[in-house]
């Protein structure tokens, strides 16, 4: 099994050049499947995990999120970036305390949003910056990538200028990587890349759009999927389950074979490595 320090070093190296995809598993199995497919790093998804517990996004308490991150990091040899939502605290000192707990799970990176805990918009500019500064000090000696993200474009895609202003301030406050989910237009992505340079920009691809090559040409350093893969899985199940309810089992023909899945997951157990957990 690759140790935490090596995972963190490898993750930081990925941010130094090029463009890489950071897919988002929601449990041990999906993390191991993505490692099997050859990805270089993973990121958790708060929504994807919440749905596996029968809860909506942003309704998972910190203790459950920390337990989930511990399990993901132990399940794979790949570096894991944590979707740590808003840090599960409002005040900067609370964010710093919870970030320190997240670091203990073995993550190689973590993101902090500027969305208020009550869901009523974003934290005021100055407070949002201080929250990132506090997170920066919490990760400073751990070689953990701090990702600062602003959520404003998810509610108003026209506010690109305001999003860029926040990203630049977050970079100045110590964030290693910047992220504004919801940016889609080429010119807006290019403007963000330029504004935060030389620090890397993460772009969310939650549906069809620009290709990885096109994003790389714009200067994007990393691409994440958010809860999209989880939604694909839930969508497939809903579709087939609805067909079954109507009396047809034809949709089951699209399932992956048990032989294939047993072979993939058997690799991890047979080797005794790749983050093998007790009980495997």
C-alpha atoms as a PDB file:
ATOM      1  CA  UNK A   1       0.000   0.000   0.000  1.00  0.00           C
ATOM      2  CA  UNK A   2       1.302   3.469  -0.897  1.00  0.00           C
ATOM      3  CA  UNK A   3       1.768   5.635   2.201  1.00  0.00           C
ATOM      4  CA  UNK A   4       0.066   8.973   2.762  1.00  0.00           C
ATOM      5  CA  UNK A   5       3.210  11.055   2.245  1.00  0.00           C
ATOM      6  CA  UNK A   6       3.825   9.432  -1.149  1.00  0.00           C
ATOM      7  CA  UNK A   7       0.213   9.997  -2.203  1.00  0.00           C
ATOM      8  CA  UNK A   8       0.452  13.666  -1.265  1.00  0.00           C
ATOM      9  CA  UNK A   9       3.730  14.121  -3.104  1.00  0.00           C
ATOM     10  CA  UNK A  10       2.311  12.460  -6.222  1.00  0.00           C
ATOM     11  CA  UNK A  11      -0.812  14.611  -6.047  1.00  0.00           C
ATOM     12  CA  UNK A  12       1.164  17.836  -5.799  1.00  0.00           C
ATOM     13  CA  UNK A  13       3.262  16.766  -8.775  1.00  0.00           C
ATOM     14  CA  UNK A  14       0.090  16.308 -10.847  1.00  0.00           C
ATOM     15  CA  UNK A  15      -0.691  19.987 -10.274  1.00  0.00           C
ATOM     16  CA  UNK A  16       2.680  21.136 -11.611  1.00  0.00           C
ATOM     17  CA  UNK A  17       1.980  20.683 -15.316  1.00  0.00           C
ATOM     18  CA  UNK A  18      -0.429  19.288 -17.887  1.00  0.00           C
ATOM     19  CA  UNK A  19      -4.124  18.530 -17.357  1.00  0.00           C
ATOM     20  CA  UNK A  20      -5.594  15.544 -15.543  1.00  0.00           C
ATOM     21  CA  UNK A  21      -9.046  14.159 -14.781  1.00  0.00           C
ATOM     22  CA  UNK A  22     -10.095  13.715 -11.182  1.00  0.00           C
ATOM     23  CA  UNK A  23     -13.186  11.428 -11.226  1.00  0.00           C
ATOM     24  CA  UNK A  24     -15.391  11.277  -8.150  1.00  0.00           C
ATOM     25  CA  UNK A  25     -16.171   7.899  -6.526  1.00  0.00           C
ATOM     26  CA  UNK A  26     -18.797   7.653  -3.805  1.00  0.00           C
ATOM     27  CA  UNK A  27     -17.779   4.434  -2.033  1.00  0.00           C
ATOM     28  CA  UNK A  28     -14.977   1.861  -1.753  1.00  0.00           C
ATOM     29  CA  UNK A  29     -16.072  -0.088  -4.802  1.00  0.00           C
ATOM     30  CA  UNK A  30     -16.308   2.880  -7.144  1.00  0.00           C
ATOM     31  CA  UNK A  31     -12.916   4.137  -5.907  1.00  0.00           C
ATOM     32  CA  UNK A  32     -11.296   0.792  -6.662  1.00  0.00           C
ATOM     33  CA  UNK A  33     -12.977   0.552 -10.053  1.00  0.00           C
ATOM     34  CA  UNK A  34     -11.589   3.971 -11.026  1.00  0.00           C
ATOM     35  CA  UNK A  35      -8.111   2.950  -9.860  1.00  0.00           C
ATOM     36  CA  UNK A  36      -8.425  -0.215 -11.970  1.00  0.00           C
ATOM     37  CA  UNK A  37      -9.259   1.938 -15.013  1.00  0.00           C
ATOM     38  CA  UNK A  38      -5.974   3.788 -14.644  1.00  0.00           C
ATOM     39  CA  UNK A  39      -6.845   7.229 -13.298  1.00  0.00           C
ATOM     40  CA  UNK A  40      -4.072   9.017 -11.446  1.00  0.00           C
ATOM     41  CA  UNK A  41      -6.102  10.563  -8.618  1.00  0.00           C
ATOM     42  CA  UNK A  42      -9.646  10.688  -7.240  1.00  0.00           C
ATOM     43  CA  UNK A  43     -11.921  13.161  -5.496  1.00  0.00           C
ATOM     44  CA  UNK A  44     -14.789  12.480  -3.156  1.00  0.00           C
ATOM     45  CA  UNK A  45     -18.267  13.818  -3.931  1.00  0.00           C
ATOM     46  CA  UNK A  46     -20.457  15.130  -1.130  1.00  0.00           C
ATOM     47  CA  UNK A  47     -23.625  14.572  -3.161  1.00  0.00           C
ATOM     48  CA  UNK A  48     -22.642  11.101  -4.348  1.00  0.00           C
ATOM     49  CA  UNK A  49     -21.890   9.973  -0.811  1.00  0.00           C
ATOM     50  CA  UNK A  50     -25.018  11.612   0.620  1.00  0.00           C
ATOM     51  CA  UNK A  51     -27.228   9.717  -1.819  1.00  0.00           C
ATOM     52  CA  UNK A  52     -25.704   6.374  -0.789  1.00  0.00           C
ATOM     53  CA  UNK A  53     -26.907   7.134   2.748  1.00  0.00           C
ATOM     54  CA  UNK A  54     -30.387   8.136   1.624  1.00  0.00           C
ATOM     55  CA  UNK A  55     -29.809  11.832   2.303  1.00  0.00           C
ATOM     56  CA  UNK A  56     -29.666  14.920   0.067  1.00  0.00           C
ATOM     57  CA  UNK A  57     -26.432  16.775  -0.569  1.00  0.00           C
ATOM     58  CA  UNK A  58     -25.237  19.019   2.264  1.00  0.00           C
ATOM     59  CA  UNK A  59     -27.174  16.983   4.850  1.00  0.00           C
ATOM     60  CA  UNK A  60     -24.288  14.735   5.949  1.00  0.00           C
ATOM     61  CA  UNK A  61     -22.707  15.652   9.321  1.00  0.00           C
ATOM     62  CA  UNK A  62     -18.974  16.164   9.658  1.00  0.00           C
ATOM     63  CA  UNK A  63     -18.398  12.910  11.552  1.00  0.00           C
ATOM     64  CA  UNK A  64     -19.933  10.864   8.718  1.00  0.00           C
ATOM     65  CA  UNK A  65     -17.988  12.792   6.067  1.00  0.00           C
ATOM     66  CA  UNK A  66     -14.726  12.190   7.947  1.00  0.00           C
ATOM     67  CA  UNK A  67     -15.473   8.478   8.283  1.00  0.00           C
ATOM     68  CA  UNK A  68     -16.237   8.296   4.565  1.00  0.00           C
ATOM     69  CA  UNK A  69     -12.965  10.041   3.676  1.00  0.00           C
ATOM     70  CA  UNK A  70     -11.019   7.638   5.882  1.00  0.00           C
ATOM     71  CA  UNK A  71     -12.610   4.697   4.087  1.00  0.00           C
ATOM     72  CA  UNK A  72     -11.971   6.118   0.605  1.00  0.00           C
ATOM     73  CA  UNK A  73      -8.316   6.882   1.339  1.00  0.00           C
ATOM     74  CA  UNK A  74      -7.748   3.391   2.736  1.00  0.00           C
ATOM     75  CA  UNK A  75      -9.498   1.702  -0.200  1.00  0.00           C
ATOM     76  CA  UNK A  76      -7.144   2.913  -2.923  1.00  0.00           C
ATOM     77  CA  UNK A  77      -3.500   3.604  -3.663  1.00  0.00           C
ATOM     78  CA  UNK A  78      -4.485   6.809  -5.464  1.00  0.00           C
ATOM     79  CA  UNK A  79      -4.389  10.284  -3.906  1.00  0.00           C
ATOM     80  CA  UNK A  80      -7.839  11.458  -2.817  1.00  0.00           C
ATOM     81  CA  UNK A  81      -9.050  15.050  -2.853  1.00  0.00           C
ATOM     82  CA  UNK A  82     -11.838  15.673  -0.349  1.00  0.00           C
ATOM     83  CA  UNK A  83     -15.018  17.518  -1.235  1.00  0.00           C
ATOM     84  CA  UNK A  84     -15.116  19.065   2.229  1.00  0.00           C
ATOM     85  CA  UNK A  85     -18.115  21.260   1.480  1.00  0.00           C
ATOM     86  CA  UNK A  86     -17.999  24.508   3.518  1.00  0.00           C
ATOM     87  CA  UNK A  87     -15.682  23.049   6.131  1.00  0.00           C
ATOM     88  CA  UNK A  88     -18.642  22.181   8.383  1.00  0.00           C
ATOM     89  CA  UNK A  89     -18.169  25.485  10.220  1.00  0.00           C
ATOM     90  CA  UNK A  90     -18.816  29.152   9.662  1.00  0.00           C
ATOM     91  CA  UNK A  91     -16.055  30.844  11.617  1.00  0.00           C
ATOM     92  CA  UNK A  92     -12.464  30.602  10.333  1.00  0.00           C
ATOM     93  CA  UNK A  93     -11.258  28.910  13.522  1.00  0.00           C
ATOM     94  CA  UNK A  94     -13.928  26.221  13.131  1.00  0.00           C
ATOM     95  CA  UNK A  95     -12.915  25.651   9.530  1.00  0.00           C
ATOM     96  CA  UNK A  96      -9.269  25.284  10.582  1.00  0.00           C
ATOM     97  CA  UNK A  97     -10.195  22.760  13.288  1.00  0.00           C
ATOM     98  CA  UNK A  98     -12.240  20.622  10.901  1.00  0.00           C
ATOM     99  CA  UNK A  99      -9.615  20.808   8.159  1.00  0.00           C
ATOM    100  CA  UNK A 100      -7.085  19.441  10.661  1.00  0.00           C
ATOM    101  CA  UNK A 101      -9.436  16.510  11.285  1.00  0.00           C
ATOM    102  CA  UNK A 102      -9.813  15.936   7.545  1.00  0.00           C
ATOM    103  CA  UNK A 103      -6.039  15.820   7.103  1.00  0.00           C
ATOM    104  CA  UNK A 104      -5.918  12.921   9.569  1.00  0.00           C
ATOM    105  CA  UNK A 105      -8.091  10.810   7.224  1.00  0.00           C
ATOM    106  CA  UNK A 106      -5.213  10.597   4.734  1.00  0.00           C
ATOM    107  CA  UNK A 107      -6.477  12.958   2.037  1.00  0.00           C
ATOM    108  CA  UNK A 108      -3.986  14.487  -0.385  1.00  0.00           C
ATOM    109  CA  UNK A 109      -6.129  17.556  -1.013  1.00  0.00           C
ATOM    110  CA  UNK A 110      -9.365  19.142   0.116  1.00  0.00           C
ATOM    111  CA  UNK A 111     -11.712  21.857  -1.090  1.00  0.00           C
ATOM    112  CA  UNK A 112     -13.472  24.523   0.929  1.00  0.00           C
ATOM    113  CA  UNK A 113     -16.541  26.288  -0.469  1.00  0.00           C
ATOM    114  CA  UNK A 114     -17.777  29.810   0.233  1.00  0.00           C
ATOM    115  CA  UNK A 115     -21.409  28.632   0.493  1.00  0.00           C
ATOM    116  CA  UNK A 116     -23.034  29.455   3.824  1.00  0.00           C
ATOM    117  CA  UNK A 117     -23.909  26.518   6.066  1.00  0.00           C
ATOM    118  CA  UNK A 118     -27.582  27.523   6.056  1.00  0.00           C
ATOM    119  CA  UNK A 119     -27.596  27.522   2.253  1.00  0.00           C
ATOM    120  CA  UNK A 120     -28.541  31.218   2.140  1.00  0.00           C
ATOM    121  CA  UNK A 121     -26.043  32.364  -0.447  1.00  0.00           C
ATOM    122  CA  UNK A 122     -22.317  32.917  -0.043  1.00  0.00           C
ATOM    123  CA  UNK A 123     -20.256  34.151   2.867  1.00  0.00           C
ATOM    124  CA  UNK A 124     -19.375  37.819   2.664  1.00  0.00           C
ATOM    125  CA  UNK A 125     -16.216  38.421   0.652  1.00  0.00           C
ATOM    126  CA  UNK A 126     -13.893  39.224   3.563  1.00  0.00           C
ATOM    127  CA  UNK A 127     -15.127  36.345   5.715  1.00  0.00           C
ATOM    128  CA  UNK A 128     -14.850  33.936   2.782  1.00  0.00           C
ATOM    129  CA  UNK A 129     -11.214  34.965   2.330  1.00  0.00           C
ATOM    130  CA  UNK A 130     -10.440  34.588   6.040  1.00  0.00           C
ATOM    131  CA  UNK A 131     -11.930  31.096   6.001  1.00  0.00           C
ATOM    132  CA  UNK A 132      -9.536  30.111   3.208  1.00  0.00           C
ATOM    133  CA  UNK A 133      -6.624  31.728   5.041  1.00  0.00           C
ATOM    134  CA  UNK A 134      -7.459  29.687   8.133  1.00  0.00           C
ATOM    135  CA  UNK A 135      -7.625  26.492   6.068  1.00  0.00           C
ATOM    136  CA  UNK A 136      -4.269  27.362   4.506  1.00  0.00           C
ATOM    137  CA  UNK A 137      -2.593  27.564   7.900  1.00  0.00           C
ATOM    138  CA  UNK A 138      -4.189  24.239   8.870  1.00  0.00           C
ATOM    139  CA  UNK A 139      -2.683  22.426   5.857  1.00  0.00           C
ATOM    140  CA  UNK A 140       0.592  24.355   5.610  1.00  0.00           C
ATOM    141  CA  UNK A 141       2.877  21.700   7.105  1.00  0.00           C
ATOM    142  CA  UNK A 142       1.080  18.646   5.700  1.00  0.00           C
ATOM    143  CA  UNK A 143       1.758  18.948   1.935  1.00  0.00           C
ATOM    144  CA  UNK A 144      -2.006  18.837   1.333  1.00  0.00           C
ATOM    145  CA  UNK A 145      -3.409  20.686  -1.691  1.00  0.00           C
ATOM    146  CA  UNK A 146      -5.919  23.331  -0.580  1.00  0.00           C
ATOM    147  CA  UNK A 147      -8.621  23.985  -3.160  1.00  0.00           C
ATOM    148  CA  UNK A 148     -10.707  27.136  -2.714  1.00  0.00           C
ATOM    149  CA  UNK A 149     -14.005  27.191  -4.532  1.00  0.00           C
ATOM    150  CA  UNK A 150     -16.714  29.785  -5.018  1.00  0.00           C
ATOM    151  CA  UNK A 151     -20.255  28.570  -5.602  1.00  0.00           C
ATOM    152  CA  UNK A 152     -21.807  31.740  -7.027  1.00  0.00           C
ATOM    153  CA  UNK A 153     -21.965  30.592 -10.648  1.00  0.00           C
ATOM    154  CA  UNK A 154     -24.192  27.658  -9.701  1.00  0.00           C
ATOM    155  CA  UNK A 155     -26.973  30.112  -8.859  1.00  0.00           C
ATOM    156  CA  UNK A 156     -26.096  32.912 -11.295  1.00  0.00           C
ATOM    157  CA  UNK A 157     -23.883  31.909 -14.246  1.00  0.00           C
ATOM    158  CA  UNK A 158     -23.547  35.539 -15.326  1.00  0.00           C
ATOM    159  CA  UNK A 159     -21.441  36.524 -12.304  1.00  0.00           C
ATOM    160  CA  UNK A 160     -18.122  35.467 -13.785  1.00  0.00           C
ATOM    161  CA  UNK A 161     -16.357  38.678 -12.799  1.00  0.00           C
ATOM    162  CA  UNK A 162     -17.397  38.315  -9.168  1.00  0.00           C
ATOM    163  CA  UNK A 163     -16.280  34.687  -9.184  1.00  0.00           C
ATOM    164  CA  UNK A 164     -12.873  35.647 -10.568  1.00  0.00           C
ATOM    165  CA  UNK A 165     -12.468  38.334  -7.893  1.00  0.00           C
ATOM    166  CA  UNK A 166     -13.071  35.712  -5.207  1.00  0.00           C
ATOM    167  CA  UNK A 167     -10.712  33.193  -6.783  1.00  0.00           C
ATOM    168  CA  UNK A 168      -7.907  35.751  -6.981  1.00  0.00           C
ATOM    169  CA  UNK A 169      -8.419  36.694  -3.334  1.00  0.00           C
ATOM    170  CA  UNK A 170      -8.481  33.025  -2.339  1.00  0.00           C
ATOM    171  CA  UNK A 171      -5.214  32.465  -4.194  1.00  0.00           C
ATOM    172  CA  UNK A 172      -3.655  35.393  -2.332  1.00  0.00           C
ATOM    173  CA  UNK A 173      -4.919  33.878   0.946  1.00  0.00           C
ATOM    174  CA  UNK A 174      -2.946  30.688   0.314  1.00  0.00           C
ATOM    175  CA  UNK A 175      -5.128  28.394  -1.778  1.00  0.00           C
ATOM    176  CA  UNK A 176      -3.101  26.031  -3.986  1.00  0.00           C
ATOM    177  CA  UNK A 177      -5.821  25.443  -6.579  1.00  0.00           C
ATOM    178  CA  UNK A 178      -8.891  27.454  -7.551  1.00  0.00           C
ATOM    179  CA  UNK A 179     -12.340  26.245  -8.552  1.00  0.00           C
ATOM    180  CA  UNK A 180     -15.604  27.886  -9.634  1.00  0.00           C
ATOM    181  CA  UNK A 181     -18.122  25.158 -10.496  1.00  0.00           C
ATOM    182  CA  UNK A 182     -20.548  26.364 -13.131  1.00  0.00           C
ATOM    183  CA  UNK A 183     -18.108  28.079 -15.496  1.00  0.00           C
ATOM    184  CA  UNK A 184     -18.709  26.761 -19.023  1.00  0.00           C
ATOM    185  CA  UNK A 185     -17.811  29.243 -21.750  1.00  0.00           C
ATOM    186  CA  UNK A 186     -14.357  29.032 -23.288  1.00  0.00           C
ATOM    187  CA  UNK A 187     -13.668  32.719 -22.825  1.00  0.00           C
ATOM    188  CA  UNK A 188     -14.681  32.614 -19.156  1.00  0.00           C
ATOM    189  CA  UNK A 189     -12.509  29.584 -18.457  1.00  0.00           C
ATOM    190  CA  UNK A 190      -9.566  31.232 -20.208  1.00  0.00           C
ATOM    191  CA  UNK A 191     -10.104  34.400 -18.152  1.00  0.00           C
ATOM    192  CA  UNK A 192     -10.089  32.394 -14.912  1.00  0.00           C
ATOM    193  CA  UNK A 193      -6.927  30.531 -15.881  1.00  0.00           C
ATOM    194  CA  UNK A 194      -5.188  33.833 -16.588  1.00  0.00           C
ATOM    195  CA  UNK A 195      -6.465  35.518 -13.428  1.00  0.00           C
ATOM    196  CA  UNK A 196      -5.237  32.852 -10.978  1.00  0.00           C
ATOM    197  CA  UNK A 197      -1.995  31.951 -12.795  1.00  0.00           C
ATOM    198  CA  UNK A 198       0.456  30.542 -11.967  1.00  0.00           C
ATOM    199  CA  UNK A 199      -1.827  28.605  -9.631  1.00  0.00           C
ATOM    200  CA  UNK A 200      -3.902  25.852 -11.261  1.00  0.00           C
ATOM    201  CA  UNK A 201      -7.600  26.001 -12.079  1.00  0.00           C
ATOM    202  CA  UNK A 202     -10.047  23.129 -11.595  1.00  0.00           C
ATOM    203  CA  UNK A 203     -13.067  22.940 -13.909  1.00  0.00           C
ATOM    204  CA  UNK A 204     -16.198  20.885 -13.245  1.00  0.00           C
ATOM    205  CA  UNK A 205     -17.593  18.819 -16.108  1.00  0.00           C
ATOM    206  CA  UNK A 206     -21.008  17.650 -14.928  1.00  0.00           C
ATOM    207  CA  UNK A 207     -22.368  16.913 -18.398  1.00  0.00           C
ATOM    208  CA  UNK A 208     -21.490  16.989 -22.109  1.00  0.00           C
ATOM    209  CA  UNK A 209     -19.340  19.895 -23.220  1.00  0.00           C
ATOM    210  CA  UNK A 210     -15.701  20.685 -23.871  1.00  0.00           C
ATOM    211  CA  UNK A 211     -13.318  17.752 -24.259  1.00  0.00           C
ATOM    212  CA  UNK A 212     -10.310  17.149 -22.060  1.00  0.00           C
ATOM    213  CA  UNK A 213      -8.036  18.256 -24.909  1.00  0.00           C
ATOM    214  CA  UNK A 214      -9.982  21.497 -25.315  1.00  0.00           C
ATOM    215  CA  UNK A 215      -9.824  22.217 -21.589  1.00  0.00           C
ATOM    216  CA  UNK A 216      -6.097  21.543 -21.597  1.00  0.00           C
ATOM    217  CA  UNK A 217      -5.657  23.970 -24.493  1.00  0.00           C
ATOM    218  CA  UNK A 218      -7.390  26.638 -22.394  1.00  0.00           C
ATOM    219  CA  UNK A 219      -4.836  26.086 -19.621  1.00  0.00           C
ATOM    220  CA  UNK A 220      -7.010  24.108 -17.209  1.00  0.00           C
ATOM    221  CA  UNK A 221      -4.887  21.970 -14.917  1.00  0.00           C
ATOM    222  CA  UNK A 222      -7.452  19.544 -13.539  1.00  0.00           C
ATOM    223  CA  UNK A 223     -11.014  18.440 -14.332  1.00  0.00           C
ATOM    224  CA  UNK A 224     -13.448  16.940 -11.838  1.00  0.00           C
ATOM    225  CA  UNK A 225     -16.854  15.342 -12.363  1.00  0.00           C
ATOM    226  CA  UNK A 226     -18.617  16.068  -9.069  1.00  0.00           C
ATOM    227  CA  UNK A 227     -21.634  13.876  -8.482  1.00  0.00           C
ATOM    228  CA  UNK A 228     -22.137  13.208 -12.211  1.00  0.00           C
ATOM    229  CA  UNK A 229     -20.864   9.610 -12.193  1.00  0.00           C
ATOM    230  CA  UNK A 230     -23.099   8.870  -9.207  1.00  0.00           C
ATOM    231  CA  UNK A 231     -26.033  10.418 -11.066  1.00  0.00           C
ATOM    232  CA  UNK A 232     -25.258   8.223 -14.078  1.00  0.00           C
ATOM    233  CA  UNK A 233     -25.380   5.151 -11.826  1.00  0.00           C
ATOM    234  CA  UNK A 234     -28.614   6.229 -10.131  1.00  0.00           C
ATOM    235  CA  UNK A 235     -30.110   7.148 -13.489  1.00  0.00           C
ATOM    236  CA  UNK A 236     -29.392   3.696 -14.894  1.00  0.00           C
ATOM    237  CA  UNK A 237     -30.929   2.019 -11.859  1.00  0.00           C
ATOM    238  CA  UNK A 238     -34.040   4.224 -11.968  1.00  0.00           C
ATOM    239  CA  UNK A 239     -34.585   3.521 -15.645  1.00  0.00           C
ATOM    240  CA  UNK A 240     -34.287  -0.249 -15.312  1.00  0.00           C
ATOM    241  CA  UNK A 241     -36.254  -0.392 -12.053  1.00  0.00           C
ATOM    242  CA  UNK A 242     -39.108   1.532 -13.673  1.00  0.00           C
ATOM    243  CA  UNK A 243     -39.084  -0.953 -16.552  1.00  0.00           C
ATOM    244  CA  UNK A 244     -39.204  -3.838 -14.084  1.00  0.00           C
ATOM    245  CA  UNK A 245     -42.157  -2.233 -12.326  1.00  0.00           C
ATOM    246  CA  UNK A 246     -43.931  -2.173 -15.694  1.00  0.00           C
ATOM    247  CA  UNK A 247     -43.176  -5.870 -16.147  1.00  0.00           C
ATOM    248  CA  UNK A 248     -40.091  -5.908 -18.390  1.00  0.00           C
ATOM    249  CA  UNK A 249     -36.681  -7.280 -17.408  1.00  0.00           C
ATOM    250  CA  UNK A 250     -35.001  -6.343 -20.688  1.00  0.00           C
ATOM    251  CA  UNK A 251     -33.032  -3.492 -19.091  1.00  0.00           C
ATOM    252  CA  UNK A 252     -31.039  -5.976 -17.035  1.00  0.00           C
ATOM    253  CA  UNK A 253     -29.246  -6.942 -20.221  1.00  0.00           C
ATOM    254  CA  UNK A 254     -27.123  -3.791 -19.978  1.00  0.00           C
ATOM    255  CA  UNK A 255     -25.622  -4.814 -16.632  1.00  0.00           C
ATOM    256  CA  UNK A 256     -21.905  -5.387 -16.161  1.00  0.00           C
ATOM    257  CA  UNK A 257     -21.172  -9.071 -15.717  1.00  0.00           C
ATOM    258  CA  UNK A 258     -20.542 -10.469 -12.276  1.00  0.00           C
ATOM    259  CA  UNK A 259     -17.440 -12.175 -13.662  1.00  0.00           C
ATOM    260  CA  UNK A 260     -16.015  -8.831 -14.758  1.00  0.00           C
ATOM    261  CA  UNK A 261     -16.705  -7.127 -11.422  1.00  0.00           C
ATOM    262  CA  UNK A 262     -15.442 -10.061  -9.372  1.00  0.00           C
ATOM    263  CA  UNK A 263     -12.279 -10.070 -11.447  1.00  0.00           C
ATOM    264  CA  UNK A 264     -11.663  -6.356 -10.937  1.00  0.00           C
ATOM    265  CA  UNK A 265     -12.242  -6.367  -7.193  1.00  0.00           C
ATOM    266  CA  UNK A 266     -10.508  -9.700  -6.788  1.00  0.00           C
ATOM    267  CA  UNK A 267      -7.276  -8.066  -7.958  1.00  0.00           C
ATOM    268  CA  UNK A 268      -7.227  -5.891  -4.846  1.00  0.00           C
ATOM    269  CA  UNK A 269      -7.868  -8.726  -2.432  1.00  0.00           C
ATOM    270  CA  UNK A 270      -5.490 -11.178  -4.101  1.00  0.00           C
ATOM    271  CA  UNK A 271      -2.604  -8.702  -3.942  1.00  0.00           C
ATOM    272  CA  UNK A 272      -3.303  -7.782  -0.339  1.00  0.00           C
ATOM    273  CA  UNK A 273      -2.545  -4.196  -1.265  1.00  0.00           C
ATOM    274  CA  UNK A 274      -4.234  -1.202  -2.796  1.00  0.00           C
ATOM    275  CA  UNK A 275      -5.625   0.028   0.451  1.00  0.00           C
ATOM    276  CA  UNK A 276      -6.902  -3.308   1.666  1.00  0.00           C
ATOM    277  CA  UNK A 277      -9.234  -2.812   4.637  1.00  0.00           C
ATOM    278  CA  UNK A 278      -9.949  -5.125   7.525  1.00  0.00           C
ATOM    279  CA  UNK A 279     -12.900  -7.273   6.553  1.00  0.00           C
ATOM    280  CA  UNK A 280     -11.924  -7.406   2.859  1.00  0.00           C
END
